[in-house]
């Protein structure tokens, strides 16, 4: 499933063509994705102007001048791609992702300037919703969501409160969206390796210096991943159809049985399962 860097990369790719744009045509080619599309979806969006594009956790939010907000969640295989005859594809792209199958083009948005943004989703685990913008923070999907990891509220002091007396491993808690928004399996594994913290260590036993290191590592990994366009393991592509390439910088994720890349460590990366998810770590570097 796309994590924060992939969703933020898509948001940034869409921002130049959708912010301030009016939708002259919206086409829903099926009545549902993961969930049914909201009543009047096409009618409520046609003619609406998108005021801005935001991200909250793993969601893209498009507040509209009508007082509603379009919520988009990419699920596991969702992709939003731009077709714009006025603009060249992004220069310097490392590689193009595989082209999406046209039969999975489920929703199309066309602006007054002729830009088309198409939502593809092979497995239809993504979804879209339209809700009133007023009180969005209290919406069931966002009311209990933790702070954004790239914002000031996410701090060592905050983690100390969130982890207090907790016996679960730090990785398990960092994946909890009520503790911090947008983090997923890949980037938590990578961040804990950078911080030198074992994913198996009970979170409630971590002293302040370890928490400071976790916060710094989470932010650094996320910024590096966003700069690299996210990670493409299977289906992910940005809004220009390009693959991300942060996967080439993985230090632990997916590297079970391979040597740790930290110098001068000679240990081998291990894999364990925590809360049903694979965890990759170095038993020597991470304590």
C-alpha atoms as a PDB file:
ATOM      1  CA  UNK A   1       0.000   0.000   0.000  1.00  0.00           C
ATOM      2  CA  UNK A   2       1.381   3.466  -0.810  1.00  0.00           C
ATOM      3  CA  UNK A   3       2.746   5.135   2.290  1.00  0.00           C
ATOM      4  CA  UNK A   4       3.202   8.817   3.074  1.00  0.00           C
ATOM      5  CA  UNK A   5       6.056   9.469   0.579  1.00  0.00           C
ATOM      6  CA  UNK A   6       4.156   7.914  -2.330  1.00  0.00           C
ATOM      7  CA  UNK A   7       0.937   9.778  -1.520  1.00  0.00           C
ATOM      8  CA  UNK A   8       2.818  13.059  -1.045  1.00  0.00           C
ATOM      9  CA  UNK A   9       4.629  12.522  -4.354  1.00  0.00           C
ATOM     10  CA  UNK A  10       1.301  12.018  -6.131  1.00  0.00           C
ATOM     11  CA  UNK A  11      -0.154  15.105  -4.422  1.00  0.00           C
ATOM     12  CA  UNK A  12       2.790  17.238  -5.528  1.00  0.00           C
ATOM     13  CA  UNK A  13       2.477  15.943  -9.076  1.00  0.00           C
ATOM     14  CA  UNK A  14      -1.219  16.792  -9.242  1.00  0.00           C
ATOM     15  CA  UNK A  15      -0.922  20.181  -7.545  1.00  0.00           C
ATOM     16  CA  UNK A  16       0.200  22.249 -10.576  1.00  0.00           C
ATOM     17  CA  UNK A  17      -2.681  21.070 -12.768  1.00  0.00           C
ATOM     18  CA  UNK A  18      -5.508  20.759 -10.228  1.00  0.00           C
ATOM     19  CA  UNK A  19      -5.065  23.584  -7.720  1.00  0.00           C
ATOM     20  CA  UNK A  20      -7.463  26.342  -8.758  1.00  0.00           C
ATOM     21  CA  UNK A  21      -8.832  24.225 -11.617  1.00  0.00           C
ATOM     22  CA  UNK A  22     -12.524  23.859 -12.393  1.00  0.00           C
ATOM     23  CA  UNK A  23     -13.781  20.405 -13.325  1.00  0.00           C
ATOM     24  CA  UNK A  24     -15.782  20.602 -16.531  1.00  0.00           C
ATOM     25  CA  UNK A  25     -16.301  16.844 -16.815  1.00  0.00           C
ATOM     26  CA  UNK A  26     -16.270  13.969 -14.356  1.00  0.00           C
ATOM     27  CA  UNK A  27     -16.832  10.418 -15.483  1.00  0.00           C
ATOM     28  CA  UNK A  28     -17.418   7.486 -13.119  1.00  0.00           C
ATOM     29  CA  UNK A  29     -17.141   4.310 -15.135  1.00  0.00           C
ATOM     30  CA  UNK A  30     -18.426   2.112 -12.357  1.00  0.00           C
ATOM     31  CA  UNK A  31     -20.584   2.830  -9.296  1.00  0.00           C
ATOM     32  CA  UNK A  32     -18.053   1.661  -6.745  1.00  0.00           C
ATOM     33  CA  UNK A  33     -14.417   1.199  -5.855  1.00  0.00           C
ATOM     34  CA  UNK A  34     -13.685  -0.349  -2.471  1.00  0.00           C
ATOM     35  CA  UNK A  35     -16.930   1.276  -1.364  1.00  0.00           C
ATOM     36  CA  UNK A  36     -19.798   2.712  -3.436  1.00  0.00           C
ATOM     37  CA  UNK A  37     -19.125   6.201  -4.749  1.00  0.00           C
ATOM     38  CA  UNK A  38     -21.169   8.801  -2.834  1.00  0.00           C
ATOM     39  CA  UNK A  39     -24.630   9.738  -4.074  1.00  0.00           C
ATOM     40  CA  UNK A  40     -24.489  12.335  -6.841  1.00  0.00           C
ATOM     41  CA  UNK A  41     -20.702  11.969  -7.126  1.00  0.00           C
ATOM     42  CA  UNK A  42     -20.498  13.120 -10.760  1.00  0.00           C
ATOM     43  CA  UNK A  43     -23.073  15.891 -10.407  1.00  0.00           C
ATOM     44  CA  UNK A  44     -21.524  17.293  -7.218  1.00  0.00           C
ATOM     45  CA  UNK A  45     -18.050  17.442  -8.758  1.00  0.00           C
ATOM     46  CA  UNK A  46     -18.941  18.704 -12.243  1.00  0.00           C
ATOM     47  CA  UNK A  47     -18.357  22.455 -12.318  1.00  0.00           C
ATOM     48  CA  UNK A  48     -16.632  22.468  -8.922  1.00  0.00           C
ATOM     49  CA  UNK A  49     -13.362  24.360  -8.479  1.00  0.00           C
ATOM     50  CA  UNK A  50     -10.545  22.700  -6.565  1.00  0.00           C
ATOM     51  CA  UNK A  51      -9.190  25.233  -4.086  1.00  0.00           C
ATOM     52  CA  UNK A  52      -6.032  23.345  -3.118  1.00  0.00           C
ATOM     53  CA  UNK A  53      -4.602  19.867  -2.693  1.00  0.00           C
ATOM     54  CA  UNK A  54      -3.618  18.620   0.738  1.00  0.00           C
ATOM     55  CA  UNK A  55      -2.520  15.354   2.281  1.00  0.00           C
ATOM     56  CA  UNK A  56      -3.524  13.899   5.634  1.00  0.00           C
ATOM     57  CA  UNK A  57      -1.793  10.654   6.466  1.00  0.00           C
ATOM     58  CA  UNK A  58      -2.241   8.443   3.397  1.00  0.00           C
ATOM     59  CA  UNK A  59      -5.207  10.437   2.056  1.00  0.00           C
ATOM     60  CA  UNK A  60      -5.272  13.113  -0.650  1.00  0.00           C
ATOM     61  CA  UNK A  61      -7.743  15.896   0.161  1.00  0.00           C
ATOM     62  CA  UNK A  62      -9.137  18.314  -2.417  1.00  0.00           C
ATOM     63  CA  UNK A  63     -11.246  21.068  -0.793  1.00  0.00           C
ATOM     64  CA  UNK A  64     -13.784  22.469  -3.275  1.00  0.00           C
ATOM     65  CA  UNK A  65     -15.312  25.937  -3.562  1.00  0.00           C
ATOM     66  CA  UNK A  66     -18.693  24.267  -2.974  1.00  0.00           C
ATOM     67  CA  UNK A  67     -17.829  23.625   0.667  1.00  0.00           C
ATOM     68  CA  UNK A  68     -17.158  19.935   0.182  1.00  0.00           C
ATOM     69  CA  UNK A  69     -13.863  18.044   0.159  1.00  0.00           C
ATOM     70  CA  UNK A  70     -13.000  15.204  -2.187  1.00  0.00           C
ATOM     71  CA  UNK A  71     -11.195  12.443  -0.291  1.00  0.00           C
ATOM     72  CA  UNK A  72      -9.027  10.036  -2.284  1.00  0.00           C
ATOM     73  CA  UNK A  73      -7.357   6.931  -0.901  1.00  0.00           C
ATOM     74  CA  UNK A  74      -5.186   4.950  -3.314  1.00  0.00           C
ATOM     75  CA  UNK A  75      -5.554   1.610  -1.566  1.00  0.00           C
ATOM     76  CA  UNK A  76      -3.015  -0.969  -2.729  1.00  0.00           C
ATOM     77  CA  UNK A  77      -3.003  -0.466  -6.501  1.00  0.00           C
ATOM     78  CA  UNK A  78      -4.608   2.937  -7.106  1.00  0.00           C
ATOM     79  CA  UNK A  79      -2.875   5.340  -9.509  1.00  0.00           C
ATOM     80  CA  UNK A  80      -3.724   8.872 -10.621  1.00  0.00           C
ATOM     81  CA  UNK A  81      -2.180   9.829 -13.961  1.00  0.00           C
ATOM     82  CA  UNK A  82      -2.170  13.147 -15.787  1.00  0.00           C
ATOM     83  CA  UNK A  83      -2.715  13.646 -19.496  1.00  0.00           C
ATOM     84  CA  UNK A  84      -1.866  17.223 -20.417  1.00  0.00           C
ATOM     85  CA  UNK A  85      -0.975  18.135 -23.976  1.00  0.00           C
ATOM     86  CA  UNK A  86       0.421  21.486 -22.806  1.00  0.00           C
ATOM     87  CA  UNK A  87       3.088  19.989 -20.573  1.00  0.00           C
ATOM     88  CA  UNK A  88       5.957  17.630 -21.220  1.00  0.00           C
ATOM     89  CA  UNK A  89       6.321  14.622 -18.986  1.00  0.00           C
ATOM     90  CA  UNK A  90       8.520  15.286 -15.994  1.00  0.00           C
ATOM     91  CA  UNK A  91      12.136  15.608 -17.105  1.00  0.00           C
ATOM     92  CA  UNK A  92      14.841  13.466 -15.582  1.00  0.00           C
ATOM     93  CA  UNK A  93      12.556  10.570 -14.659  1.00  0.00           C
ATOM     94  CA  UNK A  94      14.648   7.524 -13.768  1.00  0.00           C
ATOM     95  CA  UNK A  95      12.180   4.983 -15.154  1.00  0.00           C
ATOM     96  CA  UNK A  96       8.584   4.703 -16.261  1.00  0.00           C
ATOM     97  CA  UNK A  97       6.311   2.399 -14.373  1.00  0.00           C
ATOM     98  CA  UNK A  98       4.376  -0.177 -16.352  1.00  0.00           C
ATOM     99  CA  UNK A  99       1.447   1.402 -18.192  1.00  0.00           C
ATOM    100  CA  UNK A 100      -1.876   0.898 -16.408  1.00  0.00           C
ATOM    101  CA  UNK A 101      -4.472  -1.294 -18.075  1.00  0.00           C
ATOM    102  CA  UNK A 102      -7.208   0.892 -19.605  1.00  0.00           C
ATOM    103  CA  UNK A 103      -9.873  -1.478 -18.313  1.00  0.00           C
ATOM    104  CA  UNK A 104      -8.919  -0.368 -14.797  1.00  0.00           C
ATOM    105  CA  UNK A 105      -9.556   3.330 -15.571  1.00  0.00           C
ATOM    106  CA  UNK A 106     -12.493   3.834 -13.218  1.00  0.00           C
ATOM    107  CA  UNK A 107     -12.799   7.608 -12.692  1.00  0.00           C
ATOM    108  CA  UNK A 108     -11.829  10.498 -14.986  1.00  0.00           C
ATOM    109  CA  UNK A 109     -11.558  14.178 -14.080  1.00  0.00           C
ATOM    110  CA  UNK A 110     -11.206  16.780 -16.841  1.00  0.00           C
ATOM    111  CA  UNK A 111     -10.503  20.451 -16.147  1.00  0.00           C
ATOM    112  CA  UNK A 112     -11.625  23.472 -18.148  1.00  0.00           C
ATOM    113  CA  UNK A 113      -8.114  23.717 -19.587  1.00  0.00           C
ATOM    114  CA  UNK A 114      -8.321  20.204 -21.005  1.00  0.00           C
ATOM    115  CA  UNK A 115      -6.133  18.412 -18.465  1.00  0.00           C
ATOM    116  CA  UNK A 116      -7.336  14.886 -17.745  1.00  0.00           C
ATOM    117  CA  UNK A 117      -6.576  13.035 -14.525  1.00  0.00           C
ATOM    118  CA  UNK A 118      -7.527   9.362 -14.575  1.00  0.00           C
ATOM    119  CA  UNK A 119      -7.829   7.077 -11.576  1.00  0.00           C
ATOM    120  CA  UNK A 120      -6.709   3.496 -12.278  1.00  0.00           C
ATOM    121  CA  UNK A 121      -7.131   0.728  -9.728  1.00  0.00           C
ATOM    122  CA  UNK A 122      -6.699  -2.914 -10.679  1.00  0.00           C
ATOM    123  CA  UNK A 123      -7.843  -4.377  -7.368  1.00  0.00           C
ATOM    124  CA  UNK A 124     -10.224  -1.559  -6.400  1.00  0.00           C
ATOM    125  CA  UNK A 125      -9.010  -1.292  -2.805  1.00  0.00           C
ATOM    126  CA  UNK A 126      -8.900   2.493  -3.080  1.00  0.00           C
ATOM    127  CA  UNK A 127     -11.919   4.719  -2.579  1.00  0.00           C
ATOM    128  CA  UNK A 128     -13.270   8.234  -2.983  1.00  0.00           C
ATOM    129  CA  UNK A 129     -15.694  10.183  -0.870  1.00  0.00           C
ATOM    130  CA  UNK A 130     -17.253  13.648  -0.785  1.00  0.00           C
ATOM    131  CA  UNK A 131     -17.830  15.208   2.637  1.00  0.00           C
ATOM    132  CA  UNK A 132     -18.503  18.642   4.034  1.00  0.00           C
ATOM    133  CA  UNK A 133     -15.241  20.557   4.525  1.00  0.00           C
ATOM    134  CA  UNK A 134     -16.490  22.078   7.755  1.00  0.00           C
ATOM    135  CA  UNK A 135     -15.593  19.711  10.538  1.00  0.00           C
ATOM    136  CA  UNK A 136     -13.384  17.523   8.324  1.00  0.00           C
ATOM    137  CA  UNK A 137     -10.985  16.992  11.230  1.00  0.00           C
ATOM    138  CA  UNK A 138     -13.831  15.359  13.151  1.00  0.00           C
ATOM    139  CA  UNK A 139     -14.704  13.021  10.281  1.00  0.00           C
ATOM    140  CA  UNK A 140     -14.469   9.340  11.376  1.00  0.00           C
ATOM    141  CA  UNK A 141     -11.472   8.758   9.094  1.00  0.00           C
ATOM    142  CA  UNK A 142      -9.462  11.605  10.630  1.00  0.00           C
ATOM    143  CA  UNK A 143     -10.786  12.200  14.146  1.00  0.00           C
ATOM    144  CA  UNK A 144      -8.438   9.728  15.841  1.00  0.00           C
ATOM    145  CA  UNK A 145      -5.484  10.146  13.474  1.00  0.00           C
ATOM    146  CA  UNK A 146      -2.145  11.001  15.039  1.00  0.00           C
ATOM    147  CA  UNK A 147       0.102  13.929  14.124  1.00  0.00           C
ATOM    148  CA  UNK A 148       1.916  14.256  10.806  1.00  0.00           C
ATOM    149  CA  UNK A 149       5.496  12.987  11.209  1.00  0.00           C
ATOM    150  CA  UNK A 150       6.968  15.930   9.291  1.00  0.00           C
ATOM    151  CA  UNK A 151       5.279  18.511  11.512  1.00  0.00           C
ATOM    152  CA  UNK A 152       6.391  19.912  14.852  1.00  0.00           C
ATOM    153  CA  UNK A 153       3.755  18.074  16.893  1.00  0.00           C
ATOM    154  CA  UNK A 154       5.611  14.821  16.205  1.00  0.00           C
ATOM    155  CA  UNK A 155       8.442  15.084  18.706  1.00  0.00           C
ATOM    156  CA  UNK A 156      10.365  13.077  21.265  1.00  0.00           C
ATOM    157  CA  UNK A 157       8.146  14.501  24.001  1.00  0.00           C
ATOM    158  CA  UNK A 158       5.053  13.409  22.097  1.00  0.00           C
ATOM    159  CA  UNK A 159       6.444   9.880  21.598  1.00  0.00           C
ATOM    160  CA  UNK A 160       7.319   9.667  25.293  1.00  0.00           C
ATOM    161  CA  UNK A 161       3.656  10.252  26.114  1.00  0.00           C
ATOM    162  CA  UNK A 162       2.394   7.919  23.393  1.00  0.00           C
ATOM    163  CA  UNK A 163       4.826   5.114  24.321  1.00  0.00           C
ATOM    164  CA  UNK A 164       4.531   5.418  28.098  1.00  0.00           C
ATOM    165  CA  UNK A 165       4.144   2.017  29.765  1.00  0.00           C
ATOM    166  CA  UNK A 166       3.555   0.342  26.392  1.00  0.00           C
ATOM    167  CA  UNK A 167       4.975  -3.161  26.032  1.00  0.00           C
ATOM    168  CA  UNK A 168       4.629  -3.430  22.253  1.00  0.00           C
ATOM    169  CA  UNK A 169       7.642  -2.955  20.041  1.00  0.00           C
ATOM    170  CA  UNK A 170       8.369   0.541  18.742  1.00  0.00           C
ATOM    171  CA  UNK A 171       7.673  -0.542  15.163  1.00  0.00           C
ATOM    172  CA  UNK A 172       4.217  -1.860  15.989  1.00  0.00           C
ATOM    173  CA  UNK A 173       3.251   1.420  17.653  1.00  0.00           C
ATOM    174  CA  UNK A 174       4.705   3.616  14.894  1.00  0.00           C
ATOM    175  CA  UNK A 175       2.473   1.768  12.428  1.00  0.00           C
ATOM    176  CA  UNK A 176      -0.581   2.704  14.513  1.00  0.00           C
ATOM    177  CA  UNK A 177      -2.238   5.585  12.636  1.00  0.00           C
ATOM    178  CA  UNK A 178      -3.694   6.917  15.884  1.00  0.00           C
ATOM    179  CA  UNK A 179      -0.129   7.492  17.126  1.00  0.00           C
ATOM    180  CA  UNK A 180       1.417   8.921  13.955  1.00  0.00           C
ATOM    181  CA  UNK A 181      -0.199   9.434  10.550  1.00  0.00           C
ATOM    182  CA  UNK A 182       0.996   8.046   7.258  1.00  0.00           C
ATOM    183  CA  UNK A 183       3.782   5.702   8.309  1.00  0.00           C
ATOM    184  CA  UNK A 184       3.900   2.180   6.914  1.00  0.00           C
ATOM    185  CA  UNK A 185       5.972  -0.953   7.064  1.00  0.00           C
ATOM    186  CA  UNK A 186       8.754   0.108   4.714  1.00  0.00           C
ATOM    187  CA  UNK A 187       9.642   3.470   6.189  1.00  0.00           C
ATOM    188  CA  UNK A 188       9.317   2.467   9.838  1.00  0.00           C
ATOM    189  CA  UNK A 189      11.718  -0.436   9.238  1.00  0.00           C
ATOM    190  CA  UNK A 190      14.181   1.902   7.523  1.00  0.00           C
ATOM    191  CA  UNK A 191      13.841   4.645  10.147  1.00  0.00           C
ATOM    192  CA  UNK A 192      14.422   2.327  13.092  1.00  0.00           C
ATOM    193  CA  UNK A 193      17.568   1.010  11.408  1.00  0.00           C
ATOM    194  CA  UNK A 194      18.864   4.559  10.952  1.00  0.00           C
ATOM    195  CA  UNK A 195      18.016   5.327  14.578  1.00  0.00           C
ATOM    196  CA  UNK A 196      19.747   2.164  15.820  1.00  0.00           C
ATOM    197  CA  UNK A 197      16.599   1.072  17.674  1.00  0.00           C
ATOM    198  CA  UNK A 198      15.451  -2.526  17.689  1.00  0.00           C
ATOM    199  CA  UNK A 199      11.873  -2.995  16.439  1.00  0.00           C
ATOM    200  CA  UNK A 200      11.509  -5.640  19.152  1.00  0.00           C
ATOM    201  CA  UNK A 201      12.374  -3.291  22.017  1.00  0.00           C
ATOM    202  CA  UNK A 202       9.353  -2.443  24.175  1.00  0.00           C
ATOM    203  CA  UNK A 203       8.451   1.126  23.298  1.00  0.00           C
ATOM    204  CA  UNK A 204       7.818   2.085  26.915  1.00  0.00           C
ATOM    205  CA  UNK A 205      11.472   1.364  27.809  1.00  0.00           C
ATOM    206  CA  UNK A 206      12.968   3.808  25.300  1.00  0.00           C
ATOM    207  CA  UNK A 207      14.810   6.732  26.910  1.00  0.00           C
ATOM    208  CA  UNK A 208      14.640  10.264  25.541  1.00  0.00           C
ATOM    209  CA  UNK A 209      17.834  10.043  23.414  1.00  0.00           C
ATOM    210  CA  UNK A 210      16.371   7.019  21.607  1.00  0.00           C
ATOM    211  CA  UNK A 211      13.109   8.867  21.001  1.00  0.00           C
ATOM    212  CA  UNK A 212      15.000  11.891  19.654  1.00  0.00           C
ATOM    213  CA  UNK A 213      16.850   9.553  17.296  1.00  0.00           C
ATOM    214  CA  UNK A 214      13.596   7.930  16.113  1.00  0.00           C
ATOM    215  CA  UNK A 215      11.962  11.287  15.341  1.00  0.00           C
ATOM    216  CA  UNK A 216      15.027  12.480  13.421  1.00  0.00           C
ATOM    217  CA  UNK A 217      15.298   9.200  11.496  1.00  0.00           C
ATOM    218  CA  UNK A 218      11.608   9.097  10.590  1.00  0.00           C
ATOM    219  CA  UNK A 219      11.794  12.614   9.194  1.00  0.00           C
ATOM    220  CA  UNK A 220      15.029  11.956   7.314  1.00  0.00           C
ATOM    221  CA  UNK A 221      13.762   8.730   5.744  1.00  0.00           C
ATOM    222  CA  UNK A 222      10.495  10.351   4.677  1.00  0.00           C
ATOM    223  CA  UNK A 223      12.256  13.369   3.153  1.00  0.00           C
ATOM    224  CA  UNK A 224      14.731  11.145   1.324  1.00  0.00           C
ATOM    225  CA  UNK A 225      11.908   8.958   0.028  1.00  0.00           C
ATOM    226  CA  UNK A 226       9.860  11.941  -1.168  1.00  0.00           C
ATOM    227  CA  UNK A 227      12.944  13.316  -2.933  1.00  0.00           C
ATOM    228  CA  UNK A 228      13.318   9.931  -4.650  1.00  0.00           C
ATOM    229  CA  UNK A 229       9.672   9.886  -5.726  1.00  0.00           C
ATOM    230  CA  UNK A 230       8.689   7.166  -3.269  1.00  0.00           C
ATOM    231  CA  UNK A 231       9.270   3.427  -3.614  1.00  0.00           C
ATOM    232  CA  UNK A 232       7.983   1.265  -6.451  1.00  0.00           C
ATOM    233  CA  UNK A 233       7.723  -2.346  -5.379  1.00  0.00           C
ATOM    234  CA  UNK A 234       4.860  -3.365  -7.622  1.00  0.00           C
ATOM    235  CA  UNK A 235       2.132  -0.984  -8.811  1.00  0.00           C
ATOM    236  CA  UNK A 236       3.037   2.493  -7.571  1.00  0.00           C
ATOM    237  CA  UNK A 237       3.646   5.317 -10.047  1.00  0.00           C
ATOM    238  CA  UNK A 238       3.561   9.067  -9.605  1.00  0.00           C
ATOM    239  CA  UNK A 239       1.125  11.393 -11.366  1.00  0.00           C
ATOM    240  CA  UNK A 240       3.387  11.518 -14.428  1.00  0.00           C
ATOM    241  CA  UNK A 241       3.441   7.710 -14.664  1.00  0.00           C
ATOM    242  CA  UNK A 242       7.012   7.395 -13.357  1.00  0.00           C
ATOM    243  CA  UNK A 243       8.271   4.802 -10.920  1.00  0.00           C
ATOM    244  CA  UNK A 244       9.776   5.855  -7.609  1.00  0.00           C
ATOM    245  CA  UNK A 245      13.289   4.688  -6.837  1.00  0.00           C
ATOM    246  CA  UNK A 246      13.820   4.909  -3.061  1.00  0.00           C
ATOM    247  CA  UNK A 247      13.712   1.073  -3.025  1.00  0.00           C
ATOM    248  CA  UNK A 248      17.277   1.184  -4.343  1.00  0.00           C
ATOM    249  CA  UNK A 249      18.319   2.830  -1.074  1.00  0.00           C
ATOM    250  CA  UNK A 250      16.728   0.290   1.288  1.00  0.00           C
ATOM    251  CA  UNK A 251      19.092  -0.647   4.103  1.00  0.00           C
ATOM    252  CA  UNK A 252      16.957  -3.401   5.655  1.00  0.00           C
ATOM    253  CA  UNK A 253      13.518  -3.711   4.068  1.00  0.00           C
ATOM    254  CA  UNK A 254      13.255  -6.865   1.944  1.00  0.00           C
ATOM    255  CA  UNK A 255      16.913  -7.759   2.597  1.00  0.00           C
ATOM    256  CA  UNK A 256      16.545 -10.820   4.835  1.00  0.00           C
ATOM    257  CA  UNK A 257      19.732 -12.900   4.849  1.00  0.00           C
ATOM    258  CA  UNK A 258      21.813 -10.161   3.226  1.00  0.00           C
ATOM    259  CA  UNK A 259      24.647  -8.312   4.969  1.00  0.00           C
ATOM    260  CA  UNK A 260      23.928  -5.129   6.870  1.00  0.00           C
ATOM    261  CA  UNK A 261      25.108  -2.152   4.852  1.00  0.00           C
ATOM    262  CA  UNK A 262      26.173  -0.094   7.864  1.00  0.00           C
ATOM    263  CA  UNK A 263      29.934   0.242   8.025  1.00  0.00           C
ATOM    264  CA  UNK A 264      31.677  -1.658   9.637  1.00  0.00           C
ATOM    265  CA  UNK A 265      28.794  -3.993  10.618  1.00  0.00           C
ATOM    266  CA  UNK A 266      29.132  -7.598   9.438  1.00  0.00           C
ATOM    267  CA  UNK A 267      25.786  -8.891  10.709  1.00  0.00           C
ATOM    268  CA  UNK A 268      23.036 -10.305   8.513  1.00  0.00           C
ATOM    269  CA  UNK A 269      19.566  -8.754   8.192  1.00  0.00           C
ATOM    270  CA  UNK A 270      16.842 -10.712   9.945  1.00  0.00           C
ATOM    271  CA  UNK A 271      13.127 -10.919   9.327  1.00  0.00           C
ATOM    272  CA  UNK A 272      10.454 -11.461  11.961  1.00  0.00           C
ATOM    273  CA  UNK A 273       6.679 -11.034  11.901  1.00  0.00           C
ATOM    274  CA  UNK A 274       5.099  -8.418  14.140  1.00  0.00           C
ATOM    275  CA  UNK A 275       1.361  -7.844  14.192  1.00  0.00           C
ATOM    276  CA  UNK A 276       1.090  -9.783  10.943  1.00  0.00           C
ATOM    277  CA  UNK A 277       3.694  -7.666   9.132  1.00  0.00           C
ATOM    278  CA  UNK A 278       7.258  -8.493   8.114  1.00  0.00           C
ATOM    279  CA  UNK A 279       9.897  -6.621  10.084  1.00  0.00           C
ATOM    280  CA  UNK A 280      13.471  -6.388   8.807  1.00  0.00           C
ATOM    281  CA  UNK A 281      16.298  -5.324  11.117  1.00  0.00           C
ATOM    282  CA  UNK A 282      19.973  -5.712  11.950  1.00  0.00           C
ATOM    283  CA  UNK A 283      20.443  -7.552  15.276  1.00  0.00           C
ATOM    284  CA  UNK A 284      23.815  -5.880  15.824  1.00  0.00           C
ATOM    285  CA  UNK A 285      23.151  -2.256  14.834  1.00  0.00           C
ATOM    286  CA  UNK A 286      19.702  -2.045  16.397  1.00  0.00           C
ATOM    287  CA  UNK A 287      19.436  -2.381  20.166  1.00  0.00           C
END
